[in-house]
Amino acid sequence: MSVARQEKRLMTAEELWEMPEVPGKRFELVEGELVEVPGTGALHNLLVFAVAVILREHVRKHNLGVVCVDGASYVLVHPGTVRIPDVSFVSRERIPEGGVPEGYWPFAPDLAVEIVSPNDRADEVKEKVREYLAAGTRLVWVLWPRHRSATVHRPDGTARELGPDDELDGGDVLPGFSARVGDLFEA
């Protein structure tokens, strides 16, 4: 007896954008497959805000671009991969001529920050980092609240672990930015 295989219907970024909002739910698109993104806890939300405030202050002071928080979506691979980093940065030079888009950013952010929640799986976090870097993100910070540490990923494949007393810098992505890792967790 043969069993008919049902093919999954793949979506595009445009179709995701057109999809009616579902109250209390958020979705990313991974290689055309719709993936529900679980909500976050209060601590995670406070950490997103704290990191965004620290980054925004530096970015505004030096007129470097824009900082976005959880909810801003980026098309990493057109048409089928859309990700939502916890915090992100887009340099002034890359903002489209018409300004910040109404919809998704049509490219990867210059900086993507992922704050690991207790329910996040390490392999999923690594996959997101790989996707960001492959799409052109120049710097990815993964923040580990439980250990008050950070992992800095660069496109050349290097990763550097930083403890709470180490300094996190923005390199050539955020010139002049520096913060003690532990300070990023002061929600």
N, C-alpha and C. Protein backbone atom coordinates (compact mmCIF):
# COMPACT_ATOMS: atom_id res chain seq x y z
N MET A 1 0.83 -1.17 0.00
CA MET A 1 0.00 0.00 0.00
C MET A 1 0.88 1.24 0.00
N SER A 2 0.65 2.14 -0.91
CA SER A 2 1.48 3.34 -0.96
C SER A 2 0.76 4.48 -0.26
N VAL A 3 1.55 5.30 0.39
CA VAL A 3 1.01 6.45 1.10
C VAL A 3 1.40 7.69 0.31
N ALA A 4 0.42 8.48 -0.05
CA ALA A 4 0.71 9.71 -0.80
C ALA A 4 1.36 10.72 0.12
N ARG A 5 2.45 11.29 -0.33
CA ARG A 5 3.15 12.32 0.44
C ARG A 5 2.53 13.67 0.13
N GLN A 6 2.26 14.39 1.16
CA GLN A 6 1.73 15.73 0.97
C GLN A 6 2.90 16.71 1.05
N GLU A 7 3.06 17.48 -0.02
CA GLU A 7 4.14 18.46 -0.02
C GLU A 7 3.75 19.67 0.82
N LYS A 8 4.74 20.17 1.56
CA LYS A 8 4.50 21.40 2.32
C LYS A 8 4.45 22.56 1.36
N ARG A 9 3.53 23.47 1.62
CA ARG A 9 3.46 24.68 0.82
C ARG A 9 4.47 25.67 1.37
N LEU A 10 5.36 26.11 0.51
CA LEU A 10 6.36 27.08 0.92
C LEU A 10 5.83 28.49 0.69
N MET A 11 6.24 29.40 1.58
CA MET A 11 5.80 30.79 1.49
C MET A 11 6.97 31.67 1.08
N THR A 12 6.64 32.86 0.62
CA THR A 12 7.64 33.88 0.36
C THR A 12 7.53 34.95 1.43
N ALA A 13 8.54 35.81 1.49
CA ALA A 13 8.52 36.92 2.44
C ALA A 13 7.31 37.82 2.18
N GLU A 14 6.97 38.01 0.91
CA GLU A 14 5.82 38.85 0.57
C GLU A 14 4.53 38.24 1.10
N GLU A 15 4.39 36.92 0.97
CA GLU A 15 3.18 36.26 1.47
C GLU A 15 3.10 36.34 3.00
N LEU A 16 4.24 36.22 3.66
CA LEU A 16 4.26 36.35 5.12
C LEU A 16 3.80 37.76 5.51
N TRP A 17 4.28 38.76 4.81
CA TRP A 17 3.91 40.15 5.10
C TRP A 17 2.41 40.37 4.91
N GLU A 18 1.84 39.74 3.89
CA GLU A 18 0.42 39.89 3.58
C GLU A 18 -0.48 39.07 4.50
N MET A 19 0.09 38.11 5.21
CA MET A 19 -0.69 37.23 6.07
C MET A 19 -1.38 38.03 7.18
N PRO A 20 -2.65 37.76 7.45
CA PRO A 20 -3.33 38.48 8.53
C PRO A 20 -2.63 38.23 9.87
N GLU A 21 -2.58 39.26 10.66
CA GLU A 21 -1.96 39.15 11.98
C GLU A 21 -2.77 38.19 12.84
N VAL A 22 -2.06 37.37 13.60
CA VAL A 22 -2.71 36.44 14.52
C VAL A 22 -2.39 36.96 15.93
N PRO A 23 -3.40 37.42 16.67
CA PRO A 23 -3.13 38.00 17.99
C PRO A 23 -2.30 37.06 18.88
N GLY A 24 -1.24 37.64 19.45
CA GLY A 24 -0.40 36.89 20.38
C GLY A 24 0.59 35.96 19.73
N LYS A 25 0.68 35.98 18.39
CA LYS A 25 1.62 35.09 17.71
C LYS A 25 2.52 35.87 16.76
N ARG A 26 3.77 35.38 16.65
CA ARG A 26 4.73 35.95 15.70
C ARG A 26 5.30 34.80 14.89
N PHE A 27 5.68 35.13 13.66
CA PHE A 27 6.20 34.10 12.78
C PHE A 27 7.46 34.56 12.08
N GLU A 28 8.37 33.62 11.87
CA GLU A 28 9.52 33.81 11.01
C GLU A 28 9.33 32.86 9.84
N LEU A 29 10.13 33.04 8.83
CA LEU A 29 10.10 32.18 7.66
C LEU A 29 11.49 31.58 7.51
N VAL A 30 11.57 30.25 7.49
CA VAL A 30 12.85 29.57 7.37
C VAL A 30 12.81 28.69 6.13
N GLU A 31 13.55 29.09 5.11
CA GLU A 31 13.57 28.38 3.83
C GLU A 31 12.15 28.12 3.33
N GLY A 32 11.31 29.13 3.45
CA GLY A 32 9.95 29.05 2.95
C GLY A 32 8.93 28.45 3.90
N GLU A 33 9.39 27.89 5.02
CA GLU A 33 8.47 27.28 5.98
C GLU A 33 8.12 28.27 7.08
N LEU A 34 6.83 28.37 7.38
CA LEU A 34 6.35 29.25 8.43
C LEU A 34 6.68 28.63 9.79
N VAL A 35 7.36 29.41 10.64
CA VAL A 35 7.76 28.93 11.97
C VAL A 35 7.24 29.91 13.01
N GLU A 36 6.45 29.41 13.95
CA GLU A 36 5.97 30.27 15.02
C GLU A 36 7.11 30.54 15.99
N VAL A 37 7.27 31.81 16.34
CA VAL A 37 8.30 32.23 17.28
C VAL A 37 7.63 32.39 18.64
N PRO A 38 8.06 31.60 19.64
CA PRO A 38 7.40 31.70 20.95
C PRO A 38 7.59 33.08 21.57
N GLY A 39 6.65 33.45 22.40
CA GLY A 39 6.76 34.70 23.14
C GLY A 39 7.93 34.63 24.11
N THR A 40 8.27 35.75 24.66
CA THR A 40 9.40 35.80 25.59
C THR A 40 8.90 36.16 26.97
N GLY A 41 9.75 35.91 27.95
CA GLY A 41 9.42 36.24 29.33
C GLY A 41 9.76 37.68 29.64
N ALA A 42 9.37 38.10 30.81
CA ALA A 42 9.58 39.48 31.24
C ALA A 42 11.06 39.84 31.30
N LEU A 43 11.90 38.94 31.86
CA LEU A 43 13.33 39.23 31.95
C LEU A 43 13.94 39.40 30.57
N HIS A 44 13.59 38.53 29.65
CA HIS A 44 14.10 38.62 28.28
C HIS A 44 13.74 39.98 27.69
N ASN A 45 12.50 40.40 27.87
CA ASN A 45 12.04 41.67 27.35
C ASN A 45 12.82 42.84 27.94
N LEU A 46 13.07 42.78 29.25
CA LEU A 46 13.85 43.85 29.89
C LEU A 46 15.28 43.90 29.36
N LEU A 47 15.87 42.73 29.10
CA LEU A 47 17.22 42.68 28.55
C LEU A 47 17.27 43.24 27.13
N VAL A 48 16.26 42.92 26.32
CA VAL A 48 16.19 43.48 24.97
C VAL A 48 16.17 45.01 25.06
N PHE A 49 15.34 45.53 25.95
CA PHE A 49 15.24 46.98 26.11
C PHE A 49 16.57 47.58 26.58
N ALA A 50 17.21 46.94 27.57
CA ALA A 50 18.48 47.46 28.10
C ALA A 50 19.56 47.52 27.03
N VAL A 51 19.68 46.45 26.25
CA VAL A 51 20.70 46.41 25.19
C VAL A 51 20.38 47.46 24.12
N ALA A 52 19.11 47.57 23.75
CA ALA A 52 18.71 48.53 22.73
C ALA A 52 19.01 49.97 23.17
N VAL A 53 18.76 50.27 24.43
CA VAL A 53 19.01 51.62 24.94
C VAL A 53 20.50 51.95 24.89
N ILE A 54 21.33 51.01 25.32
CA ILE A 54 22.78 51.22 25.30
C ILE A 54 23.27 51.44 23.87
N LEU A 55 22.80 50.60 22.94
CA LEU A 55 23.21 50.74 21.54
C LEU A 55 22.67 52.03 20.93
N ARG A 56 21.41 52.31 21.18
CA ARG A 56 20.78 53.49 20.57
C ARG A 56 21.48 54.78 20.99
N GLU A 57 21.85 54.85 22.25
CA GLU A 57 22.55 56.05 22.74
C GLU A 57 23.82 56.29 21.93
N HIS A 58 24.61 55.24 21.73
CA HIS A 58 25.86 55.36 20.97
C HIS A 58 25.57 55.68 19.49
N VAL A 59 24.62 54.97 18.91
CA VAL A 59 24.30 55.14 17.49
C VAL A 59 23.79 56.55 17.22
N ARG A 60 22.93 57.07 18.08
CA ARG A 60 22.41 58.43 17.88
C ARG A 60 23.50 59.48 18.07
N LYS A 61 24.31 59.29 19.10
CA LYS A 61 25.37 60.27 19.39
C LYS A 61 26.33 60.42 18.20
N HIS A 62 26.57 59.32 17.49
CA HIS A 62 27.54 59.33 16.39
C HIS A 62 26.88 59.26 15.01
N ASN A 63 25.53 59.39 14.98
CA ASN A 63 24.78 59.39 13.73
C ASN A 63 25.17 58.20 12.83
N LEU A 64 25.12 57.00 13.42
CA LEU A 64 25.58 55.81 12.70
C LEU A 64 24.48 55.08 11.94
N GLY A 65 23.21 55.26 12.31
CA GLY A 65 22.13 54.54 11.65
C GLY A 65 20.95 54.38 12.59
N VAL A 66 20.32 53.19 12.57
CA VAL A 66 19.16 52.94 13.42
C VAL A 66 19.30 51.63 14.18
N VAL A 67 18.73 51.62 15.37
CA VAL A 67 18.67 50.41 16.21
C VAL A 67 17.21 49.99 16.25
N CYS A 68 16.97 48.71 16.00
CA CYS A 68 15.61 48.16 16.04
C CYS A 68 15.54 47.11 17.14
N VAL A 69 14.34 46.94 17.68
CA VAL A 69 14.14 45.92 18.71
C VAL A 69 13.27 44.79 18.17
N ASP A 70 13.16 43.78 19.00
CA ASP A 70 12.38 42.58 18.72
C ASP A 70 11.08 42.95 18.01
N GLY A 71 10.89 42.40 16.84
CA GLY A 71 9.71 42.69 16.03
C GLY A 71 10.11 43.16 14.65
N ALA A 72 11.28 43.81 14.52
CA ALA A 72 11.77 44.21 13.20
C ALA A 72 12.26 42.96 12.48
N SER A 73 11.77 42.77 11.26
CA SER A 73 12.08 41.56 10.50
C SER A 73 13.00 41.87 9.33
N TYR A 74 13.84 40.90 9.01
CA TYR A 74 14.82 41.04 7.93
C TYR A 74 14.70 39.88 6.96
N VAL A 75 14.68 40.18 5.66
CA VAL A 75 14.69 39.14 4.65
C VAL A 75 16.15 38.75 4.45
N LEU A 76 16.51 37.56 4.95
CA LEU A 76 17.90 37.11 4.85
C LEU A 76 18.17 36.43 3.52
N VAL A 77 17.22 35.66 3.06
CA VAL A 77 17.34 35.00 1.76
C VAL A 77 16.03 35.22 1.04
N HIS A 78 16.10 35.91 -0.10
CA HIS A 78 14.87 36.19 -0.84
C HIS A 78 14.54 34.99 -1.71
N PRO A 79 13.33 34.50 -1.69
CA PRO A 79 12.18 35.07 -1.01
C PRO A 79 11.84 34.36 0.28
N GLY A 80 12.64 33.35 0.74
CA GLY A 80 12.11 32.45 1.74
C GLY A 80 12.63 32.45 3.15
N THR A 81 13.50 33.36 3.58
CA THR A 81 13.93 33.35 4.98
C THR A 81 13.81 34.75 5.56
N VAL A 82 12.99 34.85 6.59
CA VAL A 82 12.76 36.12 7.30
C VAL A 82 13.02 35.85 8.77
N ARG A 83 13.92 36.59 9.37
CA ARG A 83 14.25 36.42 10.78
C ARG A 83 13.99 37.71 11.55
N ILE A 84 13.78 37.53 12.88
CA ILE A 84 13.50 38.64 13.79
C ILE A 84 14.53 38.62 14.91
N PRO A 85 15.63 39.36 14.78
CA PRO A 85 16.59 39.40 15.89
C PRO A 85 16.01 40.14 17.09
N ASP A 86 16.56 39.87 18.27
CA ASP A 86 16.08 40.56 19.48
C ASP A 86 16.40 42.04 19.42
N VAL A 87 17.60 42.37 18.97
CA VAL A 87 18.03 43.76 18.76
C VAL A 87 18.85 43.75 17.48
N SER A 88 18.77 44.83 16.71
CA SER A 88 19.55 44.88 15.48
C SER A 88 19.95 46.32 15.18
N PHE A 89 20.92 46.44 14.29
CA PHE A 89 21.44 47.74 13.89
C PHE A 89 21.61 47.73 12.37
N VAL A 90 21.18 48.83 11.74
CA VAL A 90 21.40 49.04 10.31
C VAL A 90 22.14 50.37 10.17
N SER A 91 23.27 50.34 9.47
CA SER A 91 24.07 51.55 9.30
C SER A 91 23.35 52.57 8.41
N ARG A 92 23.64 53.82 8.65
CA ARG A 92 23.02 54.94 7.93
C ARG A 92 23.17 54.76 6.42
N GLU A 93 24.34 54.29 5.99
CA GLU A 93 24.61 54.15 4.56
C GLU A 93 23.71 53.11 3.89
N ARG A 94 23.19 52.17 4.64
CA ARG A 94 22.38 51.09 4.07
C ARG A 94 20.88 51.34 4.14
N ILE A 95 20.47 52.40 4.82
CA ILE A 95 19.04 52.71 4.89
C ILE A 95 18.59 53.10 3.48
N PRO A 96 17.53 52.46 2.97
CA PRO A 96 17.08 52.77 1.61
C PRO A 96 16.82 54.25 1.41
N GLU A 97 16.94 54.69 0.16
CA GLU A 97 16.77 56.09 -0.19
C GLU A 97 15.44 56.65 0.30
N GLY A 98 14.40 55.84 0.28
CA GLY A 98 13.07 56.29 0.72
C GLY A 98 12.92 56.28 2.23
N GLY A 99 13.94 55.88 2.98
CA GLY A 99 13.89 55.83 4.44
C GLY A 99 13.65 54.42 4.96
N VAL A 100 13.42 54.33 6.24
CA VAL A 100 13.19 53.04 6.88
C VAL A 100 11.93 52.44 6.26
N PRO A 101 12.00 51.18 5.82
CA PRO A 101 10.84 50.58 5.14
C PRO A 101 9.64 50.37 6.06
N GLU A 102 8.45 50.44 5.49
CA GLU A 102 7.22 50.14 6.23
C GLU A 102 7.18 48.67 6.62
N GLY A 103 7.63 47.82 5.72
CA GLY A 103 7.60 46.37 5.94
C GLY A 103 8.93 45.85 6.45
N TYR A 104 9.30 44.70 5.93
CA TYR A 104 10.55 44.07 6.34
C TYR A 104 11.74 44.82 5.76
N TRP A 105 12.85 44.77 6.49
CA TRP A 105 14.10 45.24 5.90
C TRP A 105 14.42 44.26 4.78
N PRO A 106 14.83 44.72 3.61
CA PRO A 106 15.05 43.82 2.47
C PRO A 106 16.43 43.14 2.47
N PHE A 107 17.13 43.24 3.56
CA PHE A 107 18.49 42.69 3.66
C PHE A 107 18.79 42.34 5.12
N ALA A 108 19.93 41.74 5.34
CA ALA A 108 20.36 41.38 6.70
C ALA A 108 20.84 42.62 7.44
N PRO A 109 20.68 42.65 8.77
CA PRO A 109 21.18 43.79 9.54
C PRO A 109 22.71 43.78 9.58
N ASP A 110 23.31 44.92 9.90
CA ASP A 110 24.76 44.98 10.09
C ASP A 110 25.15 44.26 11.38
N LEU A 111 24.31 44.42 12.41
CA LEU A 111 24.50 43.75 13.70
C LEU A 111 23.19 43.07 14.07
N ALA A 112 23.29 41.80 14.45
CA ALA A 112 22.13 41.09 14.99
C ALA A 112 22.49 40.65 16.40
N VAL A 113 21.58 40.88 17.34
CA VAL A 113 21.77 40.47 18.73
C VAL A 113 20.69 39.46 19.07
N GLU A 114 21.10 38.30 19.52
CA GLU A 114 20.17 37.27 19.98
C GLU A 114 20.40 37.08 21.48
N ILE A 115 19.34 37.20 22.25
CA ILE A 115 19.41 36.98 23.70
C ILE A 115 18.78 35.62 23.96
N VAL A 116 19.58 34.71 24.48
CA VAL A 116 19.14 33.32 24.64
C VAL A 116 18.15 33.21 25.80
N SER A 117 16.98 32.65 25.48
CA SER A 117 15.95 32.39 26.48
C SER A 117 16.11 30.97 27.00
N PRO A 118 15.55 30.67 28.17
CA PRO A 118 15.67 29.31 28.72
C PRO A 118 15.15 28.22 27.79
N ASN A 119 14.17 28.54 26.94
CA ASN A 119 13.62 27.52 26.05
C ASN A 119 14.30 27.46 24.69
N ASP A 120 15.32 28.29 24.45
CA ASP A 120 16.05 28.25 23.18
C ASP A 120 16.98 27.05 23.15
N ARG A 121 17.03 26.40 22.00
CA ARG A 121 17.94 25.27 21.82
C ARG A 121 19.22 25.78 21.17
N ALA A 122 20.38 25.28 21.65
CA ALA A 122 21.67 25.73 21.16
C ALA A 122 21.80 25.57 19.65
N ASP A 123 21.33 24.46 19.10
CA ASP A 123 21.47 24.24 17.66
C ASP A 123 20.64 25.25 16.86
N GLU A 124 19.50 25.67 17.39
CA GLU A 124 18.68 26.68 16.71
C GLU A 124 19.36 28.05 16.75
N VAL A 125 19.98 28.37 17.87
CA VAL A 125 20.71 29.64 17.98
C VAL A 125 21.87 29.63 17.00
N LYS A 126 22.61 28.54 16.93
CA LYS A 126 23.74 28.43 15.99
C LYS A 126 23.27 28.58 14.55
N GLU A 127 22.12 28.00 14.23
CA GLU A 127 21.58 28.09 12.87
C GLU A 127 21.23 29.53 12.53
N LYS A 128 20.63 30.25 13.48
CA LYS A 128 20.32 31.66 13.24
C LYS A 128 21.60 32.45 12.99
N VAL A 129 22.61 32.21 13.81
CA VAL A 129 23.89 32.91 13.63
C VAL A 129 24.44 32.63 12.23
N ARG A 130 24.43 31.37 11.82
CA ARG A 130 24.92 30.99 10.51
C ARG A 130 24.14 31.71 9.41
N GLU A 131 22.81 31.76 9.55
CA GLU A 131 21.97 32.43 8.55
C GLU A 131 22.29 33.92 8.46
N TYR A 132 22.39 34.58 9.62
CA TYR A 132 22.71 36.01 9.61
C TYR A 132 24.03 36.27 8.88
N LEU A 133 25.06 35.52 9.25
CA LEU A 133 26.38 35.75 8.67
C LEU A 133 26.40 35.43 7.18
N ALA A 134 25.74 34.35 6.77
CA ALA A 134 25.68 33.98 5.36
C ALA A 134 24.94 35.03 4.54
N ALA A 135 24.01 35.74 5.17
CA ALA A 135 23.21 36.75 4.47
C ALA A 135 23.89 38.12 4.43
N GLY A 136 25.03 38.26 5.11
CA GLY A 136 25.76 39.52 5.07
C GLY A 136 25.83 40.30 6.36
N THR A 137 25.29 39.77 7.44
CA THR A 137 25.42 40.45 8.73
C THR A 137 26.90 40.47 9.10
N ARG A 138 27.37 41.62 9.53
CA ARG A 138 28.80 41.80 9.77
C ARG A 138 29.23 41.46 11.20
N LEU A 139 28.26 41.35 12.10
CA LEU A 139 28.57 41.06 13.49
C LEU A 139 27.32 40.49 14.16
N VAL A 140 27.49 39.40 14.89
CA VAL A 140 26.38 38.80 15.64
C VAL A 140 26.83 38.63 17.08
N TRP A 141 26.02 39.15 17.98
CA TRP A 141 26.26 38.96 19.41
C TRP A 141 25.19 38.02 19.94
N VAL A 142 25.62 36.96 20.60
CA VAL A 142 24.69 36.07 21.29
C VAL A 142 24.92 36.30 22.77
N LEU A 143 23.88 36.74 23.46
CA LEU A 143 23.99 37.03 24.89
C LEU A 143 23.36 35.90 25.69
N TRP A 144 24.08 35.46 26.72
CA TRP A 144 23.69 34.33 27.55
C TRP A 144 23.38 34.84 28.96
N PRO A 145 22.11 35.18 29.25
CA PRO A 145 21.75 35.75 30.55
C PRO A 145 22.12 34.88 31.74
N ARG A 146 21.96 33.59 31.64
CA ARG A 146 22.24 32.70 32.77
C ARG A 146 23.70 32.83 33.23
N HIS A 147 24.60 33.04 32.28
CA HIS A 147 26.03 33.14 32.60
C HIS A 147 26.56 34.56 32.53
N ARG A 148 25.66 35.49 32.15
CA ARG A 148 26.06 36.89 31.98
C ARG A 148 27.29 36.98 31.08
N SER A 149 27.20 36.29 29.95
CA SER A 149 28.31 36.24 29.01
C SER A 149 27.81 36.51 27.60
N ALA A 150 28.75 36.64 26.68
CA ALA A 150 28.42 36.92 25.28
C ALA A 150 29.35 36.11 24.38
N THR A 151 28.84 35.77 23.22
CA THR A 151 29.65 35.18 22.17
C THR A 151 29.56 36.10 20.97
N VAL A 152 30.72 36.51 20.46
CA VAL A 152 30.80 37.42 19.33
C VAL A 152 31.17 36.61 18.09
N HIS A 153 30.30 36.67 17.08
CA HIS A 153 30.52 35.92 15.84
C HIS A 153 30.80 36.90 14.71
N ARG A 154 31.78 36.53 13.87
CA ARG A 154 32.14 37.35 12.72
C ARG A 154 32.04 36.53 11.44
N PRO A 155 31.92 37.19 10.30
CA PRO A 155 31.76 36.48 9.02
C PRO A 155 32.92 35.55 8.66
N ASP A 156 34.10 35.79 9.21
CA ASP A 156 35.24 34.92 8.88
C ASP A 156 35.19 33.59 9.63
N GLY A 157 34.11 33.38 10.39
CA GLY A 157 33.93 32.11 11.10
C GLY A 157 34.46 32.11 12.53
N THR A 158 35.08 33.20 12.94
CA THR A 158 35.61 33.25 14.30
C THR A 158 34.49 33.55 15.29
N ALA A 159 34.65 33.01 16.48
CA ALA A 159 33.72 33.28 17.58
C ALA A 159 34.56 33.52 18.82
N ARG A 160 34.21 34.52 19.58
CA ARG A 160 34.96 34.86 20.79
C ARG A 160 34.01 34.89 21.97
N GLU A 161 34.38 34.17 23.02
CA GLU A 161 33.57 34.12 24.25
C GLU A 161 34.02 35.24 25.18
N LEU A 162 33.06 35.95 25.75
CA LEU A 162 33.36 37.04 26.68
C LEU A 162 32.60 36.83 27.98
N GLY A 163 33.30 37.02 29.09
CA GLY A 163 32.67 36.92 30.40
C GLY A 163 32.12 38.25 30.86
N PRO A 164 31.50 38.28 32.04
CA PRO A 164 30.84 39.50 32.51
C PRO A 164 31.76 40.70 32.70
N ASP A 165 33.04 40.47 32.95
CA ASP A 165 33.96 41.60 33.15
C ASP A 165 34.71 42.00 31.88
N ASP A 166 34.49 41.28 30.79
CA ASP A 166 35.14 41.61 29.52
C ASP A 166 34.42 42.76 28.83
N GLU A 167 35.14 43.42 27.93
CA GLU A 167 34.57 44.52 27.16
C GLU A 167 34.10 44.00 25.81
N LEU A 168 32.88 44.36 25.46
CA LEU A 168 32.29 44.04 24.17
C LEU A 168 32.42 45.28 23.31
N ASP A 169 33.03 45.16 22.12
CA ASP A 169 33.16 46.34 21.29
C ASP A 169 32.43 46.14 19.97
N GLY A 170 32.20 47.24 19.29
CA GLY A 170 31.44 47.20 18.04
C GLY A 170 32.30 47.07 16.81
N GLY A 171 33.63 47.02 16.98
CA GLY A 171 34.52 46.87 15.83
C GLY A 171 34.23 47.92 14.77
N ASP A 172 34.35 47.52 13.51
CA ASP A 172 34.10 48.47 12.42
C ASP A 172 32.61 48.62 12.12
N VAL A 173 31.77 47.81 12.76
CA VAL A 173 30.32 47.90 12.56
C VAL A 173 29.75 49.06 13.37
N LEU A 174 30.19 49.18 14.62
CA LEU A 174 29.77 50.27 15.51
C LEU A 174 31.03 50.96 16.04
N PRO A 175 31.69 51.77 15.23
CA PRO A 175 32.94 52.38 15.65
C PRO A 175 32.82 53.13 16.97
N GLY A 176 33.76 52.86 17.86
CA GLY A 176 33.81 53.55 19.14
C GLY A 176 32.92 52.94 20.22
N PHE A 177 32.09 51.95 19.88
CA PHE A 177 31.22 51.36 20.89
C PHE A 177 31.99 50.38 21.75
N SER A 178 31.76 50.47 23.06
CA SER A 178 32.35 49.53 24.00
C SER A 178 31.46 49.50 25.24
N ALA A 179 31.24 48.28 25.75
CA ALA A 179 30.45 48.13 26.97
C ALA A 179 30.93 46.90 27.71
N ARG A 180 30.93 46.98 29.02
CA ARG A 180 31.24 45.81 29.84
C ARG A 180 30.10 44.82 29.67
N VAL A 181 30.41 43.56 29.38
CA VAL A 181 29.38 42.56 29.11
C VAL A 181 28.36 42.50 30.24
N GLY A 182 28.81 42.49 31.47
CA GLY A 182 27.88 42.40 32.61
C GLY A 182 26.88 43.53 32.65
N ASP A 183 27.27 44.72 32.13
CA ASP A 183 26.36 45.87 32.12
C ASP A 183 25.16 45.65 31.18
N LEU A 184 25.32 44.80 30.20
CA LEU A 184 24.23 44.53 29.24
C LEU A 184 23.09 43.78 29.92
N PHE A 185 23.39 43.16 31.07
CA PHE A 185 22.38 42.36 31.76
C PHE A 185 21.76 43.09 32.94
N GLU A 186 22.01 44.39 33.03
CA GLU A 186 21.45 45.19 34.12
C GLU A 186 20.09 45.70 33.68
N ALA A 187 19.08 44.88 33.84
CA ALA A 187 17.73 45.25 33.38
C ALA A 187 17.02 46.09 34.43
